[in-house]
């Protein structure tokens, strides 16, 4: 039986994607949403870009290529 889209996505993410969860103070999520929107990015993209820049500054190489 052929796989559905959800099954393919689950398999792809299991092989290629790491998930990181973090906690912030109340209200920080809304601030992140506003900042991401202002920069024309998704919240995930905004956070990934910020982390990538911080990692590059700290160790001289990015955590992921853009």
N, C-alpha and C. Protein backbone atom coordinates (compact mmCIF):
# COMPACT_ATOMS: atom_id res chain seq x y z
N UNK A 1 0.84 -1.18 0.00
CA UNK A 1 0.00 0.00 0.00
C UNK A 1 0.89 1.25 0.00
N UNK A 2 0.60 2.23 -0.85
CA UNK A 2 1.41 3.45 -0.88
C UNK A 2 1.29 4.25 0.41
N UNK A 3 2.35 4.95 0.73
CA UNK A 3 2.37 5.77 1.94
C UNK A 3 1.67 7.10 1.66
N UNK A 4 1.07 7.65 2.70
CA UNK A 4 0.46 8.97 2.54
C UNK A 4 1.50 10.05 2.86
N UNK A 5 1.14 11.29 2.60
CA UNK A 5 2.04 12.42 2.78
C UNK A 5 2.56 12.52 4.20
N UNK A 6 1.72 12.28 5.17
CA UNK A 6 2.15 12.37 6.57
C UNK A 6 3.23 11.34 6.89
N UNK A 7 3.10 10.15 6.35
CA UNK A 7 4.11 9.12 6.60
C UNK A 7 5.45 9.51 5.99
N UNK A 8 5.45 10.06 4.76
CA UNK A 8 6.69 10.51 4.15
C UNK A 8 7.32 11.64 4.95
N UNK A 9 6.51 12.58 5.39
CA UNK A 9 7.03 13.69 6.16
C UNK A 9 7.61 13.22 7.49
N UNK A 10 6.95 12.29 8.15
CA UNK A 10 7.45 11.75 9.42
C UNK A 10 8.81 11.07 9.20
N UNK A 11 8.92 10.27 8.14
CA UNK A 11 10.18 9.58 7.85
C UNK A 11 11.29 10.57 7.53
N UNK A 12 10.99 11.60 6.74
CA UNK A 12 11.98 12.61 6.40
C UNK A 12 12.47 13.31 7.67
N UNK A 13 11.52 13.76 8.49
CA UNK A 13 11.90 14.47 9.71
C UNK A 13 12.70 13.58 10.66
N UNK A 14 12.35 12.32 10.75
CA UNK A 14 13.08 11.40 11.62
C UNK A 14 14.53 11.26 11.18
N UNK A 15 14.78 11.34 9.87
CA UNK A 15 16.13 11.18 9.33
C UNK A 15 16.91 12.49 9.29
N UNK A 16 16.23 13.60 9.03
CA UNK A 16 16.93 14.84 8.69
C UNK A 16 16.76 16.01 9.65
N UNK A 17 15.82 15.93 10.58
CA UNK A 17 15.48 17.10 11.39
C UNK A 17 15.69 16.80 12.88
N UNK A 18 16.35 17.74 13.57
CA UNK A 18 16.44 17.71 15.03
C UNK A 18 15.43 18.72 15.56
N UNK A 19 14.77 18.40 16.63
CA UNK A 19 13.83 19.32 17.26
C UNK A 19 14.42 19.79 18.58
N UNK A 20 14.40 21.11 18.78
CA UNK A 20 14.89 21.70 20.02
C UNK A 20 13.75 22.49 20.63
N UNK A 21 13.50 22.28 21.89
CA UNK A 21 12.45 23.01 22.60
C UNK A 21 13.11 23.85 23.67
N UNK A 22 12.60 25.06 23.89
CA UNK A 22 13.12 25.88 24.97
C UNK A 22 12.00 26.68 25.60
N UNK A 23 12.26 27.15 26.81
CA UNK A 23 11.26 27.92 27.55
C UNK A 23 11.72 29.36 27.66
N UNK A 24 10.73 30.28 27.65
CA UNK A 24 11.01 31.70 27.82
C UNK A 24 10.00 32.28 28.80
N UNK A 25 10.26 33.49 29.23
CA UNK A 25 9.32 34.17 30.13
C UNK A 25 8.03 34.46 29.37
N UNK A 26 6.94 34.59 30.11
CA UNK A 26 5.66 34.96 29.51
C UNK A 26 5.84 36.25 28.72
N UNK A 27 5.26 36.27 27.54
CA UNK A 27 5.32 37.45 26.68
C UNK A 27 6.43 37.41 25.65
N UNK A 28 7.46 36.61 25.89
CA UNK A 28 8.58 36.55 24.96
C UNK A 28 8.15 35.96 23.61
N UNK A 29 7.24 35.02 23.63
CA UNK A 29 6.77 34.42 22.38
C UNK A 29 6.14 35.49 21.47
N UNK A 30 5.35 36.37 22.06
CA UNK A 30 4.73 37.45 21.27
C UNK A 30 5.79 38.40 20.73
N UNK A 31 6.81 38.69 21.52
CA UNK A 31 7.90 39.54 21.06
C UNK A 31 8.63 38.88 19.89
N UNK A 32 8.87 37.58 19.99
CA UNK A 32 9.52 36.86 18.89
C UNK A 32 8.66 36.89 17.63
N UNK A 33 7.35 36.70 17.80
CA UNK A 33 6.44 36.75 16.64
C UNK A 33 6.50 38.12 15.96
N UNK A 34 6.48 39.18 16.77
CA UNK A 34 6.54 40.53 16.22
C UNK A 34 7.86 40.77 15.48
N UNK A 35 8.96 40.36 16.08
CA UNK A 35 10.27 40.54 15.47
C UNK A 35 10.39 39.75 14.17
N UNK A 36 9.90 38.53 14.19
CA UNK A 36 9.95 37.69 12.98
C UNK A 36 9.12 38.32 11.87
N UNK A 37 7.91 38.76 12.21
CA UNK A 37 7.03 39.38 11.23
C UNK A 37 7.68 40.64 10.65
N UNK A 38 8.29 41.45 11.52
CA UNK A 38 8.93 42.69 11.08
C UNK A 38 10.09 42.42 10.13
N UNK A 39 10.74 41.27 10.28
CA UNK A 39 11.87 40.94 9.41
C UNK A 39 11.44 40.11 8.21
N UNK A 40 10.13 39.83 8.11
CA UNK A 40 9.63 39.08 6.96
C UNK A 40 9.91 37.59 7.03
N UNK A 41 10.11 37.07 8.23
CA UNK A 41 10.44 35.66 8.41
C UNK A 41 9.39 34.97 9.26
N UNK A 42 9.36 33.65 9.18
CA UNK A 42 8.56 32.88 10.12
C UNK A 42 9.27 32.93 11.47
N UNK A 43 8.57 32.60 12.52
CA UNK A 43 9.19 32.59 13.84
C UNK A 43 10.32 31.56 13.87
N UNK A 44 10.09 30.40 13.29
CA UNK A 44 11.13 29.37 13.24
C UNK A 44 12.35 29.87 12.46
N UNK A 45 12.12 30.49 11.32
CA UNK A 45 13.23 31.01 10.51
C UNK A 45 14.00 32.10 11.23
N UNK A 46 13.28 32.97 11.91
CA UNK A 46 13.91 34.05 12.66
C UNK A 46 14.82 33.48 13.76
N UNK A 47 14.31 32.53 14.52
CA UNK A 47 15.08 31.92 15.60
C UNK A 47 16.28 31.16 15.03
N UNK A 48 16.07 30.38 13.97
CA UNK A 48 17.18 29.64 13.36
C UNK A 48 18.27 30.57 12.87
N UNK A 49 17.90 31.67 12.21
CA UNK A 49 18.90 32.62 11.72
C UNK A 49 19.67 33.25 12.87
N UNK A 50 18.95 33.63 13.94
CA UNK A 50 19.61 34.24 15.10
C UNK A 50 20.58 33.25 15.76
N UNK A 51 20.15 32.02 15.92
CA UNK A 51 21.03 31.00 16.51
C UNK A 51 22.22 30.71 15.61
N UNK A 52 21.97 30.63 14.31
CA UNK A 52 23.05 30.37 13.37
C UNK A 52 24.11 31.48 13.44
N UNK A 53 23.66 32.74 13.52
CA UNK A 53 24.60 33.86 13.65
C UNK A 53 25.38 33.77 14.95
N UNK A 54 24.70 33.43 16.05
CA UNK A 54 25.37 33.33 17.35
C UNK A 54 26.40 32.20 17.36
N UNK A 55 26.05 31.07 16.77
CA UNK A 55 26.98 29.94 16.71
C UNK A 55 28.19 30.31 15.85
N UNK A 56 27.95 30.97 14.73
CA UNK A 56 29.05 31.39 13.85
C UNK A 56 29.99 32.34 14.58
N UNK A 57 29.42 33.30 15.32
CA UNK A 57 30.24 34.23 16.10
C UNK A 57 31.05 33.50 17.17
N UNK A 58 30.46 32.49 17.80
CA UNK A 58 31.10 31.80 18.92
C UNK A 58 32.20 30.84 18.47
N UNK A 59 31.94 30.08 17.40
CA UNK A 59 32.91 29.04 17.02
C UNK A 59 33.48 29.19 15.62
N UNK A 60 33.04 30.22 14.90
CA UNK A 60 33.63 30.48 13.59
C UNK A 60 33.05 29.67 12.44
N UNK A 61 32.05 28.88 12.72
CA UNK A 61 31.38 28.13 11.65
C UNK A 61 29.89 28.02 11.97
N UNK A 62 29.08 28.05 10.94
CA UNK A 62 27.63 28.01 11.17
C UNK A 62 27.15 26.63 11.59
N UNK A 63 26.00 26.60 12.28
CA UNK A 63 25.42 25.31 12.66
C UNK A 63 24.73 24.68 11.46
N UNK A 64 24.31 25.51 10.49
CA UNK A 64 23.71 25.00 9.27
C UNK A 64 23.98 25.99 8.16
N UNK A 65 24.02 25.49 6.94
CA UNK A 65 24.23 26.36 5.79
C UNK A 65 22.90 26.95 5.36
N UNK A 66 22.96 28.12 4.82
CA UNK A 66 21.72 28.79 4.39
C UNK A 66 21.50 28.58 2.92
